[in-house]
Amino acid sequence: MGELLVLISEYMAFRAARGFQPNRKTERLLTQFVGSLPAERDDGLLFSQGEALAWAHASVGGRPAWLSARLSTVRQFSNLSRRLRPASRRARNPPRSQRKPPSYPVSVLDRQHPGSYEGG
């Protein structure tokens, strides 16, 4: 949990350096989110998508806009924390250049670009 609290401080400093006004609500929401997480993880991740969704929807009777704001705050923090944390703590996904491109049936491509497929 200590690592996440440090990341929150770095995130808030990053926002301030980019001209964003200090936002106590953002900092408070992130601190509440970190407080809801388990103390130790054994999968190498800082937090999971499921944990973020569970926390965002935990407020009883919350309006959809409030739930969206809570999740948006965590999502923005997550995007930056991927850049700030060490590579050893990153998710275990291969780089985009090593991923296999999706394969589509010719019929789908033919419908998207008529006349571009000369098959028989």
N, C-alpha and C. Protein backbone atom coordinates (compact mmCIF):
# COMPACT_ATOMS: atom_id res chain seq x y z
N MET A 1 0.82 -1.18 0.00
CA MET A 1 0.00 0.00 0.00
C MET A 1 0.87 1.26 0.00
N GLY A 2 2.02 1.19 0.62
CA GLY A 2 2.92 2.33 0.66
C GLY A 2 3.34 2.79 -0.72
N GLU A 3 3.55 1.81 -1.61
CA GLU A 3 3.95 2.16 -2.98
C GLU A 3 2.84 2.94 -3.67
N LEU A 4 1.61 2.57 -3.44
CA LEU A 4 0.50 3.28 -4.06
C LEU A 4 0.35 4.69 -3.50
N LEU A 5 0.60 4.87 -2.21
CA LEU A 5 0.53 6.21 -1.63
C LEU A 5 1.60 7.12 -2.23
N VAL A 6 2.77 6.55 -2.48
CA VAL A 6 3.84 7.32 -3.14
C VAL A 6 3.42 7.67 -4.56
N LEU A 7 2.80 6.72 -5.26
CA LEU A 7 2.34 6.98 -6.62
C LEU A 7 1.27 8.06 -6.65
N ILE A 8 0.41 8.10 -5.63
CA ILE A 8 -0.61 9.15 -5.56
C ILE A 8 0.08 10.51 -5.45
N SER A 9 1.08 10.61 -4.60
CA SER A 9 1.82 11.87 -4.46
C SER A 9 2.48 12.27 -5.77
N GLU A 10 3.10 11.30 -6.45
CA GLU A 10 3.73 11.58 -7.74
C GLU A 10 2.70 11.98 -8.78
N TYR A 11 1.54 11.34 -8.75
CA TYR A 11 0.47 11.66 -9.69
C TYR A 11 -0.03 13.09 -9.48
N MET A 12 -0.23 13.47 -8.22
CA MET A 12 -0.70 14.82 -7.93
C MET A 12 0.37 15.85 -8.32
N ALA A 13 1.64 15.53 -8.11
CA ALA A 13 2.72 16.44 -8.51
C ALA A 13 2.79 16.55 -10.04
N PHE A 14 2.58 15.44 -10.73
CA PHE A 14 2.55 15.42 -12.19
C PHE A 14 1.45 16.34 -12.71
N ARG A 15 0.26 16.23 -12.12
CA ARG A 15 -0.86 17.08 -12.53
C ARG A 15 -0.56 18.55 -12.28
N ALA A 16 0.02 18.85 -11.11
CA ALA A 16 0.34 20.24 -10.78
C ALA A 16 1.39 20.79 -11.75
N ALA A 17 2.37 19.97 -12.13
CA ALA A 17 3.41 20.40 -13.07
C ALA A 17 2.84 20.68 -14.45
N ARG A 18 1.71 20.06 -14.78
CA ARG A 18 1.07 20.26 -16.08
C ARG A 18 0.04 21.38 -16.05
N GLY A 19 -0.06 22.09 -14.92
CA GLY A 19 -0.96 23.25 -14.86
C GLY A 19 -2.32 22.98 -14.26
N PHE A 20 -2.60 21.76 -13.83
CA PHE A 20 -3.88 21.47 -13.20
C PHE A 20 -3.90 22.07 -11.80
N GLN A 21 -5.02 22.60 -11.42
CA GLN A 21 -5.17 23.13 -10.07
C GLN A 21 -5.15 21.98 -9.07
N PRO A 22 -4.62 22.21 -7.87
CA PRO A 22 -4.66 21.15 -6.84
C PRO A 22 -6.12 20.74 -6.60
N ASN A 23 -6.35 19.45 -6.57
CA ASN A 23 -7.71 18.94 -6.43
C ASN A 23 -7.75 17.98 -5.25
N ARG A 24 -8.27 18.46 -4.14
CA ARG A 24 -8.35 17.65 -2.93
C ARG A 24 -9.30 16.47 -3.12
N LYS A 25 -10.34 16.65 -3.93
CA LYS A 25 -11.30 15.56 -4.15
C LYS A 25 -10.62 14.38 -4.84
N THR A 26 -9.81 14.66 -5.86
CA THR A 26 -9.09 13.60 -6.56
C THR A 26 -8.15 12.87 -5.60
N GLU A 27 -7.41 13.63 -4.83
CA GLU A 27 -6.48 13.02 -3.88
C GLU A 27 -7.23 12.20 -2.82
N ARG A 28 -8.35 12.72 -2.35
CA ARG A 28 -9.14 12.00 -1.35
C ARG A 28 -9.72 10.71 -1.94
N LEU A 29 -10.24 10.78 -3.17
CA LEU A 29 -10.79 9.58 -3.80
C LEU A 29 -9.73 8.51 -4.00
N LEU A 30 -8.54 8.92 -4.46
CA LEU A 30 -7.47 7.95 -4.67
C LEU A 30 -7.01 7.34 -3.36
N THR A 31 -6.95 8.15 -2.31
CA THR A 31 -6.55 7.63 -1.00
C THR A 31 -7.59 6.64 -0.48
N GLN A 32 -8.88 6.93 -0.70
CA GLN A 32 -9.94 5.99 -0.31
C GLN A 32 -9.82 4.69 -1.11
N PHE A 33 -9.53 4.83 -2.40
CA PHE A 33 -9.38 3.64 -3.24
C PHE A 33 -8.24 2.77 -2.76
N VAL A 34 -7.09 3.39 -2.49
CA VAL A 34 -5.93 2.63 -2.01
C VAL A 34 -6.24 1.97 -0.67
N GLY A 35 -7.00 2.66 0.17
CA GLY A 35 -7.38 2.08 1.46
C GLY A 35 -8.28 0.87 1.34
N SER A 36 -8.99 0.76 0.22
CA SER A 36 -9.89 -0.38 0.02
C SER A 36 -9.17 -1.60 -0.55
N LEU A 37 -7.92 -1.45 -0.96
CA LEU A 37 -7.18 -2.55 -1.58
C LEU A 37 -6.54 -3.44 -0.52
N PRO A 38 -6.30 -4.71 -0.86
CA PRO A 38 -5.57 -5.58 0.08
C PRO A 38 -4.15 -5.07 0.29
N ALA A 39 -3.62 -5.34 1.46
CA ALA A 39 -2.29 -4.83 1.81
C ALA A 39 -1.19 -5.41 0.92
N GLU A 40 -1.25 -6.69 0.64
CA GLU A 40 -0.21 -7.35 -0.16
C GLU A 40 -0.85 -8.09 -1.33
N ARG A 41 -0.12 -8.10 -2.44
CA ARG A 41 -0.57 -8.84 -3.63
C ARG A 41 0.54 -9.79 -4.02
N ASP A 42 0.15 -10.93 -4.55
CA ASP A 42 1.16 -11.89 -4.99
C ASP A 42 1.18 -12.07 -6.51
N ASP A 43 0.38 -11.27 -7.24
CA ASP A 43 0.35 -11.40 -8.69
C ASP A 43 1.18 -10.34 -9.41
N GLY A 44 1.84 -9.45 -8.66
CA GLY A 44 2.70 -8.46 -9.27
C GLY A 44 2.00 -7.20 -9.75
N LEU A 45 0.69 -7.12 -9.60
CA LEU A 45 -0.05 -5.94 -10.03
C LEU A 45 -0.28 -5.00 -8.85
N LEU A 46 -0.43 -3.73 -9.14
CA LEU A 46 -0.75 -2.79 -8.08
C LEU A 46 -2.21 -2.93 -7.65
N PHE A 47 -3.09 -3.08 -8.63
CA PHE A 47 -4.50 -3.35 -8.38
C PHE A 47 -5.11 -3.89 -9.66
N SER A 48 -6.26 -4.51 -9.52
CA SER A 48 -6.89 -5.12 -10.70
C SER A 48 -8.06 -4.27 -11.16
N GLN A 49 -8.50 -4.53 -12.36
CA GLN A 49 -9.66 -3.84 -12.92
C GLN A 49 -10.90 -4.14 -12.08
N GLY A 50 -11.01 -5.38 -11.63
CA GLY A 50 -12.15 -5.76 -10.81
C GLY A 50 -12.20 -5.01 -9.49
N GLU A 51 -11.03 -4.79 -8.90
CA GLU A 51 -10.98 -4.03 -7.65
C GLU A 51 -11.39 -2.58 -7.87
N ALA A 52 -10.97 -2.01 -9.00
CA ALA A 52 -11.36 -0.63 -9.32
C ALA A 52 -12.87 -0.53 -9.54
N LEU A 53 -13.42 -1.49 -10.26
CA LEU A 53 -14.86 -1.48 -10.51
C LEU A 53 -15.65 -1.68 -9.22
N ALA A 54 -15.20 -2.61 -8.39
CA ALA A 54 -15.89 -2.86 -7.12
C ALA A 54 -15.86 -1.61 -6.25
N TRP A 55 -14.73 -0.92 -6.19
CA TRP A 55 -14.64 0.28 -5.37
C TRP A 55 -15.53 1.38 -5.93
N ALA A 56 -15.52 1.56 -7.25
CA ALA A 56 -16.31 2.63 -7.86
C ALA A 56 -17.80 2.44 -7.61
N HIS A 57 -18.24 1.19 -7.57
CA HIS A 57 -19.67 0.90 -7.38
C HIS A 57 -20.02 0.61 -5.93
N ALA A 58 -19.08 0.79 -5.02
CA ALA A 58 -19.33 0.48 -3.61
C ALA A 58 -20.20 1.52 -2.91
N SER A 59 -20.26 2.74 -3.44
CA SER A 59 -21.07 3.75 -2.77
C SER A 59 -22.55 3.44 -2.99
N VAL A 60 -23.25 3.20 -1.90
CA VAL A 60 -24.65 2.80 -1.96
C VAL A 60 -25.49 4.00 -2.41
N GLY A 61 -26.32 3.77 -3.40
CA GLY A 61 -27.21 4.81 -3.88
C GLY A 61 -26.52 5.89 -4.70
N GLY A 62 -25.31 5.62 -5.14
CA GLY A 62 -24.59 6.60 -5.93
C GLY A 62 -25.21 6.78 -7.30
N ARG A 63 -25.27 7.99 -7.74
CA ARG A 63 -25.80 8.27 -9.08
C ARG A 63 -24.78 7.84 -10.12
N PRO A 64 -25.25 7.52 -11.32
CA PRO A 64 -24.32 7.08 -12.37
C PRO A 64 -23.19 8.07 -12.64
N ALA A 65 -23.47 9.37 -12.56
CA ALA A 65 -22.41 10.35 -12.80
C ALA A 65 -21.33 10.28 -11.73
N TRP A 66 -21.74 10.02 -10.48
CA TRP A 66 -20.77 9.91 -9.39
C TRP A 66 -19.95 8.64 -9.54
N LEU A 67 -20.59 7.53 -9.90
CA LEU A 67 -19.87 6.28 -10.12
C LEU A 67 -18.87 6.45 -11.27
N SER A 68 -19.29 7.14 -12.30
CA SER A 68 -18.41 7.39 -13.44
C SER A 68 -17.22 8.26 -13.04
N ALA A 69 -17.47 9.26 -12.21
CA ALA A 69 -16.38 10.14 -11.76
C ALA A 69 -15.37 9.36 -10.92
N ARG A 70 -15.86 8.48 -10.05
CA ARG A 70 -14.96 7.67 -9.22
C ARG A 70 -14.10 6.77 -10.10
N LEU A 71 -14.71 6.10 -11.04
CA LEU A 71 -13.97 5.20 -11.92
C LEU A 71 -13.01 5.97 -12.83
N SER A 72 -13.43 7.12 -13.30
CA SER A 72 -12.58 7.95 -14.16
C SER A 72 -11.33 8.40 -13.41
N THR A 73 -11.48 8.74 -12.14
CA THR A 73 -10.34 9.15 -11.33
C THR A 73 -9.32 8.03 -11.22
N VAL A 74 -9.81 6.82 -10.95
CA VAL A 74 -8.90 5.67 -10.83
C VAL A 74 -8.28 5.33 -12.18
N ARG A 75 -9.06 5.44 -13.25
CA ARG A 75 -8.53 5.13 -14.58
C ARG A 75 -7.40 6.08 -14.97
N GLN A 76 -7.58 7.36 -14.72
CA GLN A 76 -6.53 8.33 -15.04
C GLN A 76 -5.28 8.07 -14.20
N PHE A 77 -5.47 7.75 -12.94
CA PHE A 77 -4.35 7.43 -12.07
C PHE A 77 -3.64 6.17 -12.57
N SER A 78 -4.40 5.19 -12.98
CA SER A 78 -3.83 3.93 -13.47
C SER A 78 -3.00 4.17 -14.73
N ASN A 79 -3.50 4.99 -15.64
CA ASN A 79 -2.75 5.26 -16.87
C ASN A 79 -1.39 5.87 -16.58
N LEU A 80 -1.34 6.81 -15.65
CA LEU A 80 -0.06 7.43 -15.34
C LEU A 80 0.82 6.52 -14.49
N SER A 81 0.22 5.75 -13.59
CA SER A 81 1.03 4.89 -12.72
C SER A 81 1.77 3.83 -13.53
N ARG A 82 1.22 3.45 -14.69
CA ARG A 82 1.93 2.50 -15.55
C ARG A 82 3.25 3.09 -16.03
N ARG A 83 3.27 4.40 -16.21
CA ARG A 83 4.51 5.06 -16.65
C ARG A 83 5.47 5.30 -15.51
N LEU A 84 4.94 5.47 -14.30
CA LEU A 84 5.78 5.84 -13.16
C LEU A 84 6.37 4.65 -12.42
N ARG A 85 5.69 3.52 -12.44
CA ARG A 85 6.16 2.38 -11.63
C ARG A 85 7.24 1.60 -12.36
N PRO A 86 8.05 0.88 -11.63
CA PRO A 86 9.13 0.09 -12.24
C PRO A 86 8.59 -0.98 -13.19
N ALA A 87 9.40 -1.37 -14.15
CA ALA A 87 8.99 -2.36 -15.14
C ALA A 87 8.65 -3.70 -14.50
N SER A 88 9.24 -4.02 -13.37
CA SER A 88 8.97 -5.30 -12.74
C SER A 88 7.55 -5.40 -12.22
N ARG A 89 6.88 -4.26 -12.04
CA ARG A 89 5.52 -4.26 -11.52
C ARG A 89 4.48 -4.10 -12.62
N ARG A 90 4.90 -4.05 -13.84
CA ARG A 90 3.95 -3.86 -14.94
C ARG A 90 3.17 -5.14 -15.21
N ALA A 91 2.04 -4.97 -15.85
CA ALA A 91 1.25 -6.13 -16.25
C ALA A 91 2.07 -6.96 -17.24
N ARG A 92 1.78 -8.21 -17.29
CA ARG A 92 2.57 -9.13 -18.12
C ARG A 92 2.01 -9.25 -19.53
N ASN A 93 1.81 -8.14 -20.21
CA ASN A 93 1.36 -8.16 -21.59
C ASN A 93 2.55 -7.91 -22.50
N PRO A 94 2.62 -8.59 -23.65
CA PRO A 94 3.73 -8.33 -24.57
C PRO A 94 3.60 -6.95 -25.18
N PRO A 95 4.70 -6.35 -25.62
CA PRO A 95 4.61 -5.06 -26.30
C PRO A 95 3.72 -5.15 -27.52
N ARG A 96 3.12 -4.05 -27.91
CA ARG A 96 2.19 -4.05 -29.04
C ARG A 96 2.83 -4.59 -30.31
N SER A 97 4.10 -4.33 -30.52
CA SER A 97 4.76 -4.77 -31.74
C SER A 97 4.88 -6.30 -31.80
N GLN A 98 4.79 -6.99 -30.65
CA GLN A 98 4.92 -8.44 -30.63
C GLN A 98 3.57 -9.15 -30.61
N ARG A 99 2.50 -8.40 -30.52
CA ARG A 99 1.18 -9.01 -30.51
C ARG A 99 0.77 -9.42 -31.92
N LYS A 100 0.09 -10.52 -32.00
CA LYS A 100 -0.39 -11.00 -33.28
C LYS A 100 -1.59 -10.16 -33.70
N PRO A 101 -1.59 -9.64 -34.93
CA PRO A 101 -2.73 -8.84 -35.37
C PRO A 101 -3.96 -9.73 -35.50
N PRO A 102 -5.14 -9.17 -35.27
CA PRO A 102 -6.35 -9.99 -35.38
C PRO A 102 -6.57 -10.39 -36.84
N SER A 103 -7.11 -11.57 -37.02
CA SER A 103 -7.41 -12.02 -38.37
C SER A 103 -8.92 -11.93 -38.59
N TYR A 104 -9.29 -11.41 -39.72
CA TYR A 104 -10.70 -11.25 -40.06
C TYR A 104 -11.01 -12.10 -41.27
N PRO A 105 -12.20 -12.65 -41.33
CA PRO A 105 -12.59 -13.40 -42.53
C PRO A 105 -12.62 -12.45 -43.74
N VAL A 106 -12.36 -13.00 -44.88
CA VAL A 106 -12.33 -12.19 -46.10
C VAL A 106 -13.68 -11.54 -46.33
N SER A 107 -14.76 -12.20 -45.95
CA SER A 107 -16.09 -11.64 -46.20
C SER A 107 -16.29 -10.34 -45.44
N VAL A 108 -15.74 -10.22 -44.23
CA VAL A 108 -15.86 -8.98 -43.47
C VAL A 108 -15.08 -7.87 -44.15
N LEU A 109 -13.86 -8.17 -44.59
CA LEU A 109 -13.06 -7.17 -45.28
C LEU A 109 -13.70 -6.76 -46.59
N ASP A 110 -14.28 -7.72 -47.29
CA ASP A 110 -14.91 -7.43 -48.57
C ASP A 110 -16.10 -6.49 -48.38
N ARG A 111 -16.85 -6.66 -47.29
CA ARG A 111 -17.98 -5.77 -47.03
C ARG A 111 -17.51 -4.37 -46.64
N GLN A 112 -16.38 -4.27 -45.96
CA GLN A 112 -15.88 -2.96 -45.54
C GLN A 112 -15.30 -2.19 -46.72
N HIS A 113 -14.67 -2.90 -47.66
CA HIS A 113 -14.02 -2.27 -48.80
C HIS A 113 -14.43 -3.02 -50.08
N PRO A 114 -15.64 -2.78 -50.58
CA PRO A 114 -16.09 -3.51 -51.76
C PRO A 114 -15.15 -3.32 -52.95
N GLY A 115 -14.91 -4.40 -53.63
CA GLY A 115 -14.06 -4.37 -54.81
C GLY A 115 -12.58 -4.50 -54.53
N SER A 116 -12.22 -4.54 -53.24
CA SER A 116 -10.79 -4.61 -52.93
C SER A 116 -10.28 -6.04 -52.87
N TYR A 117 -11.17 -7.02 -52.86
CA TYR A 117 -10.76 -8.42 -52.82
C TYR A 117 -11.08 -9.06 -54.15
N GLU A 118 -10.08 -9.65 -54.77
CA GLU A 118 -10.24 -10.24 -56.09
C GLU A 118 -10.32 -11.77 -55.99
N GLY A 119 -10.99 -12.26 -54.99
CA GLY A 119 -11.08 -13.71 -54.80
C GLY A 119 -12.19 -14.31 -55.66
N GLY A 120 -12.18 -15.60 -55.70
CA GLY A 120 -13.15 -16.23 -56.56
C GLY A 120 -14.02 -17.10 -55.86
